[in-house]
N, C-alpha and C. Protein backbone atom coordinates (compact mmCIF):
# COMPACT_ATOMS: atom_id res chain seq x y z
N MET A 1 0.82 -1.21 0.06
CA MET A 1 0.24 0.04 -0.07
C MET A 1 1.00 1.47 0.09
N PRO A 2 0.45 2.00 -0.70
CA PRO A 2 1.38 3.48 -1.22
C PRO A 2 1.36 3.92 0.40
N SER A 3 2.32 4.74 0.75
CA SER A 3 2.65 5.89 2.32
C SER A 3 1.23 6.44 1.87
N GLY A 4 0.92 7.09 1.10
CA GLY A 4 0.16 8.35 1.01
C GLY A 4 -1.65 7.61 1.18
N ASP A 5 -1.71 6.24 1.00
CA ASP A 5 -2.98 5.63 1.34
C ASP A 5 -3.01 5.42 2.81
N LYS A 6 -1.68 4.63 3.12
CA LYS A 6 -1.77 4.36 4.78
C LYS A 6 -1.72 5.25 5.25
N GLU A 7 -1.09 6.59 5.13
CA GLU A 7 -1.29 7.71 5.93
C GLU A 7 -2.92 8.18 6.35
N GLY A 8 -3.74 8.17 5.04
CA GLY A 8 -4.87 8.69 4.58
C GLY A 8 -5.88 7.53 5.70
N THR A 9 -5.48 6.45 5.79
CA THR A 9 -6.36 5.45 6.43
C THR A 9 -6.18 5.70 8.03
N PHE A 10 -4.93 5.73 8.35
CA PHE A 10 -4.79 6.16 9.83
C PHE A 10 -5.45 7.17 9.80
N ARG A 11 -5.47 8.94 9.25
CA ARG A 11 -6.00 9.63 9.29
C ARG A 11 -7.64 10.03 9.71
N ASN A 12 -7.87 8.70 9.07
CA ASN A 12 -9.80 8.55 9.03
C ASN A 12 -10.23 7.76 9.97
N ARG A 13 -9.25 7.36 10.54
CA ARG A 13 -9.81 6.44 11.38
C ARG A 13 -10.25 7.48 12.78
N THR A 14 -11.35 6.62 13.26
CA THR A 14 -11.56 7.45 15.03
C THR A 14 -10.86 6.88 15.96
N LEU A 15 -9.98 8.06 17.16
CA LEU A 15 -9.50 7.36 17.89
C LEU A 15 -10.28 7.78 19.12
N THR A 16 -10.22 6.41 19.85
CA THR A 16 -11.00 6.24 21.65
C THR A 16 -10.01 6.55 22.32
N VAL A 17 -10.77 6.30 23.70
CA VAL A 17 -9.99 6.36 25.10
C VAL A 17 -9.60 4.66 25.05
N ASP A 18 -9.94 3.80 24.37
CA ASP A 18 -9.48 2.51 24.89
C ASP A 18 -8.16 2.50 23.54
N HIS A 19 -8.17 3.17 22.12
CA HIS A 19 -6.73 2.94 21.27
C HIS A 19 -5.69 4.04 22.05
N LEU A 20 -6.16 4.87 22.46
CA LEU A 20 -5.18 5.96 23.40
C LEU A 20 -4.22 5.54 24.78
N SER A 21 -5.07 4.94 25.40
CA SER A 21 -4.81 4.55 26.77
C SER A 21 -3.74 3.29 26.11
N THR A 22 -4.20 1.95 25.06
CA THR A 22 -3.26 0.90 25.29
C THR A 22 -1.97 1.70 24.36
N ALA A 23 -2.12 2.46 23.22
CA ALA A 23 -0.76 3.50 23.05
C ALA A 23 0.23 3.97 23.73
N ILE A 24 -0.51 4.63 24.95
CA ILE A 24 0.13 4.95 25.99
C ILE A 24 0.98 4.11 26.74
N ARG A 25 0.26 3.05 26.83
CA ARG A 25 0.60 1.77 27.86
C ARG A 25 2.12 1.44 27.05
N ASN A 26 1.78 1.00 25.82
CA ASN A 26 2.67 0.44 24.51
C ASN A 26 4.24 1.66 24.42
N SER A 27 3.53 2.63 24.67
CA SER A 27 5.12 3.91 24.60
C SER A 27 6.44 3.22 24.96
N VAL A 28 7.42 3.48 24.53
CA VAL A 28 8.78 3.11 25.09
C VAL A 28 8.62 3.80 26.57
N ASP A 29 8.39 4.47 26.78
CA ASP A 29 8.79 5.18 28.62
C ASP A 29 7.63 5.14 28.96
N ARG A 30 6.61 4.38 28.83
CA ARG A 30 5.34 3.87 29.68
C ARG A 30 4.87 2.84 29.72
N GLU A 31 6.12 2.08 29.76
CA GLU A 31 5.37 0.51 29.93
C GLU A 31 4.86 -0.27 31.11
N ASP A 32 5.51 0.55 32.49
CA ASP A 32 4.62 0.13 33.46
C ASP A 32 3.68 0.74 33.72
N MET A 33 2.99 1.79 33.06
CA MET A 33 1.78 2.76 33.57
C MET A 33 0.84 1.64 33.69
N PRO A 34 0.08 1.54 34.84
CA PRO A 34 -0.74 1.06 35.47
C PRO A 34 -2.16 1.55 34.45
N GLU A 35 -3.19 0.12 33.85
CA GLU A 35 -4.28 0.59 33.04
C GLU A 35 -4.97 1.65 33.52
N GLU A 36 -5.25 2.08 34.44
CA GLU A 36 -6.19 3.09 35.09
C GLU A 36 -5.50 4.70 34.86
N GLN A 37 -4.08 4.30 35.13
CA GLN A 37 -3.48 5.97 34.69
C GLN A 37 -3.33 6.16 33.50
N ALA A 38 -3.08 5.08 32.60
CA ALA A 38 -3.23 5.05 31.30
C ALA A 38 -4.62 5.68 30.70
N THR A 39 -5.75 4.98 31.38
CA THR A 39 -6.71 5.60 30.53
C THR A 39 -7.08 6.75 31.24
N ALA A 40 -6.87 7.09 32.34
CA ALA A 40 -7.53 8.55 33.21
C ALA A 40 -6.56 9.80 32.15
N MET A 41 -5.19 9.24 31.87
CA MET A 41 -4.04 10.32 30.93
C MET A 41 -5.28 10.37 29.50
N ALA A 42 -5.61 9.28 29.10
CA ALA A 42 -5.87 9.30 27.95
C ALA A 42 -7.23 9.83 27.75
N GLN A 43 -8.14 9.99 28.47
CA GLN A 43 -9.36 10.60 28.73
C GLN A 43 -9.01 12.29 28.75
N HIS A 44 -8.12 12.83 29.67
CA HIS A 44 -7.38 13.89 29.83
C HIS A 44 -7.16 14.67 28.43
N ILE A 45 -6.37 14.11 27.65
CA ILE A 45 -5.72 14.52 26.35
C ILE A 45 -7.11 14.53 25.63
N LEU A 46 -8.10 13.49 25.42
CA LEU A 46 -8.97 13.64 24.30
C LEU A 46 -9.86 14.86 24.96
N ASN A 47 -9.82 15.02 26.17
CA ASN A 47 -10.82 16.28 26.69
C ASN A 47 -10.66 17.29 25.70
N PHE A 48 -9.18 17.65 25.88
CA PHE A 48 -8.62 18.93 24.90
C PHE A 48 -9.05 18.79 23.86
N PHE A 49 -8.93 17.75 23.31
CA PHE A 49 -9.18 17.97 21.10
C PHE A 49 -10.90 17.16 20.87
N GLY A 50 -11.62 17.23 21.91
CA GLY A 50 -12.65 16.91 21.18
C GLY A 50 -12.76 15.82 19.87
N TYR A 51 -13.71 16.89 19.09
CA TYR A 51 -13.65 16.23 17.68
C TYR A 51 -12.55 16.74 16.42
N ASN A 52 -11.33 17.46 17.14
CA ASN A 52 -11.07 18.44 16.35
C ASN A 52 -9.47 17.77 15.90
N GLU A 53 -8.83 17.73 14.94
CA GLU A 53 -7.56 16.90 14.59
C GLU A 53 -6.42 17.89 15.69
N ARG A 54 -6.33 18.69 15.64
CA ARG A 54 -5.40 20.10 16.52
C ARG A 54 -6.25 20.83 17.43
N ILE A 55 -4.98 21.44 18.31
CA ILE A 55 -6.09 21.76 19.26
C ILE A 55 -4.57 22.88 19.53
N ILE A 56 -4.90 24.36 19.93
CA ILE A 56 -4.04 25.41 20.06
C ILE A 56 -3.20 25.12 21.82
N ASP A 57 -2.27 25.79 21.28
CA ASP A 57 -1.38 25.35 22.65
C ASP A 57 -1.79 26.28 23.93
N ASN A 58 -2.01 27.41 23.01
CA ASN A 58 -2.72 28.36 24.49
C ASN A 58 -3.98 27.80 25.51
N VAL A 59 -4.74 26.90 25.03
CA VAL A 59 -5.52 26.22 26.31
C VAL A 59 -4.95 25.47 27.20
N LEU A 60 -3.76 25.10 26.73
CA LEU A 60 -3.16 24.32 28.19
C LEU A 60 -2.50 25.21 29.55
N GLU A 61 -2.49 24.39 30.98
CA GLU A 61 -2.15 24.95 32.36
C GLU A 61 -0.54 23.95 32.16
N PRO A 62 0.35 24.71 32.58
CA PRO A 62 1.71 24.25 32.77
C PRO A 62 1.55 22.63 32.92
N GLU A 63 0.82 22.24 34.12
CA GLU A 63 0.90 20.88 34.37
C GLU A 63 0.41 20.09 33.06
N ASP A 64 -0.81 20.12 32.01
CA ASP A 64 -1.03 19.59 31.17
C ASP A 64 -0.32 19.67 30.35
N ARG A 65 0.67 20.94 29.57
CA ARG A 65 1.16 20.74 29.04
C ARG A 65 2.47 19.62 29.14
N ASP A 66 2.73 19.45 30.56
CA ASP A 66 3.38 18.67 30.89
C ASP A 66 3.60 17.05 30.04
N ALA A 67 2.15 16.47 30.42
CA ALA A 67 1.93 15.35 29.91
C ALA A 67 1.67 15.77 28.37
N PHE A 68 1.50 16.13 27.67
CA PHE A 68 1.77 16.74 26.48
C PHE A 68 3.40 17.01 25.49
N TYR A 69 4.03 16.99 26.43
CA TYR A 69 5.41 16.77 26.41
C TYR A 69 6.04 15.38 26.20
N MET A 70 5.20 14.62 27.22
CA MET A 70 5.60 13.37 27.44
C MET A 70 5.35 12.85 26.39
N LEU A 71 3.91 12.69 25.87
CA LEU A 71 3.43 11.73 24.72
C LEU A 71 4.00 12.36 23.33
N GLU A 72 4.61 13.76 23.44
CA GLU A 72 5.53 14.44 22.37
C GLU A 72 6.67 13.19 22.30
N ASP A 73 7.06 12.83 23.74
CA ASP A 73 8.69 11.92 23.23
C ASP A 73 8.10 10.98 23.00
N SER A 74 7.17 10.22 23.30
CA SER A 74 6.80 8.93 23.17
C SER A 74 6.57 8.95 21.59
N GLY A 75 6.11 9.63 20.83
CA GLY A 75 5.55 10.07 19.42
C GLY A 75 4.22 10.09 19.56
N ILE A 76 3.39 10.06 20.28
CA ILE A 76 1.98 10.07 20.13
C ILE A 76 1.41 11.54 19.79
N LEU A 77 2.04 12.44 19.94
CA LEU A 77 2.01 13.69 19.46
C LEU A 77 2.68 14.43 18.88
N THR A 78 2.34 15.56 18.46
CA THR A 78 3.88 16.56 17.69
C THR A 78 3.33 17.66 17.91
N THR A 79 4.00 18.65 17.24
CA THR A 79 3.68 20.23 17.23
C THR A 79 3.82 20.75 15.90
N GLU A 80 3.10 21.91 15.37
CA GLU A 80 3.08 22.77 14.14
C GLU A 80 3.23 23.94 14.61
N ARG A 81 3.34 24.47 13.89
CA ARG A 81 3.08 26.50 14.18
C ARG A 81 2.85 27.05 13.00
N GLU A 82 1.96 27.89 13.03
CA GLU A 82 1.46 29.07 11.41
C GLU A 82 1.86 30.20 12.38
N GLU A 83 2.62 31.10 11.26
CA GLU A 83 2.80 32.16 11.65
C GLU A 83 2.15 33.39 10.35
N THR A 84 1.48 34.52 10.92
CA THR A 84 0.50 35.46 10.60
C THR A 84 0.94 36.60 10.61
N THR A 85 0.74 37.93 10.31
CA THR A 85 0.94 39.24 10.45
C THR A 85 -0.07 39.87 10.98
N LEU A 86 0.01 40.92 11.43
CA LEU A 86 -1.04 41.51 12.04
C LEU A 86 -1.02 42.84 11.98
N TYR A 87 -2.01 43.01 12.08
CA TYR A 87 -2.68 44.49 10.85
C TYR A 87 -1.21 45.44 11.17
N ASP A 88 -0.45 45.88 12.70
CA ASP A 88 0.12 46.42 12.95
C ASP A 88 1.64 46.18 11.96
N GLY A 89 1.82 44.94 11.31
CA GLY A 89 3.10 44.66 10.65
C GLY A 89 4.29 43.51 11.64
N ARG A 90 3.44 43.05 13.05
CA ARG A 90 4.11 42.19 13.71
C ARG A 90 3.87 40.82 13.16
N ASP A 91 4.85 40.12 13.18
CA ASP A 91 4.54 38.84 12.91
C ASP A 91 3.97 37.69 14.46
N TRP A 92 3.07 36.95 14.69
CA TRP A 92 2.45 36.38 15.39
C TRP A 92 2.47 35.09 15.03
N ARG A 93 3.07 33.92 16.54
CA ARG A 93 3.17 32.56 15.99
C ARG A 93 2.13 31.91 16.60
N ILE A 94 1.46 30.74 16.23
CA ILE A 94 0.52 29.91 16.79
C ILE A 94 0.96 28.63 16.76
N HIS A 95 0.58 28.38 18.22
CA HIS A 95 1.47 26.83 18.14
C HIS A 95 0.17 25.91 18.23
N TYR A 96 0.24 24.51 17.73
CA TYR A 96 -1.04 23.28 17.79
C TYR A 96 -0.19 22.51 18.23
N TRP A 97 -1.03 21.26 18.79
CA TRP A 97 -0.93 20.28 19.32
C TRP A 97 -1.75 19.49 18.29
N LEU A 98 -0.98 18.00 17.78
CA LEU A 98 -1.65 17.09 17.09
C LEU A 98 -1.45 15.49 17.14
N PHE A 99 -2.24 14.76 16.83
CA PHE A 99 -2.30 13.12 17.06
C PHE A 99 -1.74 13.21 15.93
N ARG A 100 -0.07 12.01 16.28
CA ARG A 100 0.87 11.57 15.32
C ARG A 100 -0.40 10.07 15.53
N LYS A 101 -1.83 9.89 14.91
CA LYS A 101 -2.50 8.40 14.48
C LYS A 101 -1.39 7.26 13.88
N GLU A 102 -0.38 7.41 12.72
CA GLU A 102 -0.13 6.63 12.34
C GLU A 102 0.69 5.69 13.77
N ARG A 103 1.53 6.51 14.40
CA ARG A 103 2.58 6.13 15.84
C ARG A 103 1.52 5.60 16.31
N ILE A 104 0.76 6.02 16.55
CA ILE A 104 -0.23 5.29 17.76
C ILE A 104 -0.80 4.30 17.54
N TRP A 105 -1.37 3.62 15.72
CA TRP A 105 -1.53 2.64 15.61
C TRP A 105 -0.62 1.59 15.76
N GLU A 106 0.36 2.21 15.60
CA GLU A 106 1.97 1.26 15.44
C GLU A 106 1.71 1.04 17.03
N LEU A 107 1.83 2.10 18.04
CA LEU A 107 2.13 1.27 19.13
C LEU A 107 0.77 0.23 19.75
N ILE A 108 -0.26 0.30 18.89
CA ILE A 108 -1.45 -0.49 19.38
C ILE A 108 -1.13 -1.99 19.11
N SER A 109 -0.53 -1.48 17.61
CA SER A 109 -0.60 -3.33 17.23
C SER A 109 1.21 -4.09 17.66
N GLY A 110 1.55 -2.97 18.76
CA GLY A 110 2.94 -3.11 19.06
C GLY A 110 3.98 -3.57 17.88
N GLN A 111 3.87 -2.36 16.80
CA GLN A 111 5.02 -2.27 15.86
C GLN A 111 5.68 -1.43 16.18
N GLU A 112 7.01 -1.10 15.60
CA GLU A 112 7.98 -0.34 15.97
C GLU A 112 8.20 -0.01 14.23
N HIS A 113 7.75 1.07 13.99
CA HIS A 113 7.93 1.93 12.75
C HIS A 113 9.18 2.23 11.97
N HIS A 114 9.46 2.77 13.12
CA HIS A 114 11.33 3.86 12.80
C HIS A 114 11.99 2.58 14.01
N GLU A 115 13.26 2.30 13.43
CA GLU A 115 14.19 1.31 14.25
C GLU A 115 14.86 2.98 14.70
N GLY A 116 14.68 4.24 14.51
CA GLY A 116 15.42 5.52 14.87
C GLY A 116 14.76 5.83 16.63
N VAL A 117 13.29 5.29 16.64
CA VAL A 117 13.08 5.29 18.15
C VAL A 117 13.83 4.80 19.03
N ARG A 118 13.75 3.24 19.00
CA ARG A 118 14.91 2.64 19.32
C ARG A 118 16.39 3.21 20.05
N ARG A 119 16.61 3.16 18.72
CA ARG A 119 17.89 3.92 18.86
C ARG A 119 18.48 4.80 19.55
N LYS A 120 17.07 5.86 19.64
CA LYS A 120 16.84 7.24 20.39
C LYS A 120 17.09 7.12 21.74
N HIS A 121 16.36 5.98 22.38
CA HIS A 121 16.11 5.71 23.49
C HIS A 121 17.16 4.42 24.41
N SER A 122 18.37 3.97 23.39
CA SER A 122 19.48 3.73 23.54
C SER A 122 21.06 4.04 24.33
N SER A 123 21.99 3.70 24.93
CA SER A 123 23.08 4.16 25.45
C SER A 123 24.34 4.05 24.95
N VAL A 124 24.97 4.50 24.91
CA VAL A 124 26.14 4.58 24.73
C VAL A 124 26.82 3.31 25.62
N TYR A 125 26.38 3.37 26.76
CA TYR A 125 26.76 2.53 27.81
C TYR A 125 26.19 0.40 27.84
N ASP A 126 25.16 1.17 26.53
CA ASP A 126 24.40 -0.41 26.33
C ASP A 126 25.52 -1.61 25.75
N ASP A 127 26.71 -1.38 25.22
CA ASP A 127 27.37 -2.33 24.49
C ASP A 127 28.71 -2.52 25.83
N ILE A 128 28.58 -1.79 26.55
CA ILE A 128 29.45 -1.59 27.69
C ILE A 128 29.54 -3.48 28.55
N PRO A 129 30.28 -4.13 28.70
CA PRO A 129 29.91 -5.26 29.43
C PRO A 129 29.38 -5.34 30.97
N ASP A 130 29.13 -5.63 31.64
CA ASP A 130 28.76 -5.45 33.04
C ASP A 130 30.29 -5.52 33.72
N ASP A 131 31.27 -6.32 33.94
CA ASP A 131 32.29 -6.44 34.60
C ASP A 131 32.96 -5.10 34.00
N ALA A 132 33.18 -4.42 32.98
CA ALA A 132 33.91 -3.39 32.76
C ALA A 132 33.82 -2.50 34.18
N TRP A 133 32.68 -2.30 34.57
CA TRP A 133 32.52 -1.67 35.87
C TRP A 133 33.08 -1.99 37.05
N ASN A 134 34.03 -3.05 37.05
CA ASN A 134 34.35 -3.20 38.44
C ASN A 134 36.08 -3.81 38.31
N ARG A 135 35.93 -2.42 38.14
CA ARG A 135 37.71 -2.02 38.01
C ARG A 135 38.04 -1.25 39.31
N SER A 136 38.93 -2.36 39.70
CA SER A 136 39.57 -1.29 41.03
C SER A 136 40.56 0.16 41.01
N LYS A 137 40.40 0.97 41.83
CA LYS A 137 41.40 2.18 41.52
C LYS A 137 42.79 2.31 41.22
N ASN A 138 43.13 1.02 42.20
CA ASN A 138 44.87 0.87 41.74
C ASN A 138 45.04 0.20 39.91
N ALA A 139 44.24 -0.10 39.76
CA ALA A 139 44.58 -1.46 38.96
C ALA A 139 44.53 -0.58 37.46
N PRO A 140 45.76 -1.32 36.34
CA PRO A 140 46.20 -0.46 35.61
C PRO A 140 44.77 -0.60 34.29
N PRO A 141 44.75 0.41 33.66
CA PRO A 141 43.59 0.17 32.12
C PRO A 141 44.21 -1.04 31.60
N ARG A 142 42.94 -1.98 31.24
CA ARG A 142 43.11 -2.72 30.23
C ARG A 142 43.29 -2.75 29.12
N ARG A 143 44.22 -3.45 28.09
CA ARG A 143 44.77 -3.53 26.96
C ARG A 143 43.44 -4.37 26.12
N PRO A 144 43.21 -3.88 24.88
CA PRO A 144 42.52 -5.34 24.03
C PRO A 144 43.75 -6.10 23.63
C-alpha cells in the first residue's frame, strides 16, 4: 500500500479512549504504567481535542503541557506552528498540538515503525560489558 494511502487510512480512523490508553501503555517510556492511569491520561488528553485534529497550545495549563510533552517524547503527539502578520505589521506565531495517528496505531499493534526510535532511547553504555564497571582504583587500564 503506498504511504499516502496508508497515512490517509490512519488519519480517517476514529481515535477512542481505549486506543489512546493502549498506545500510551505500549509507548517506550510508559511500559509499566497501570491501565487505570493510562486510561485517565487518555481521557484527559482527548477532552482537549474533542472531535478536532489539532488544538491550540494556549488552552493548556503548565501541568497539562507537561503531559503533552511526555506524549510528544513517545511519538504520540507532535507540534506545528503557523505564522501570521498582524494589522500593525508584527509577526505572530500560533502553536498547535496534533495526534500522530500512524504512530498511535503502530503502538496499538505493538510494531516499531522507525528503528530510530529504539536507537534514540538506547545509550552508549548499553554495549559495555558488566565486568567493565568492576575495576579497582589502582588497577592499570586494560588493553585490547
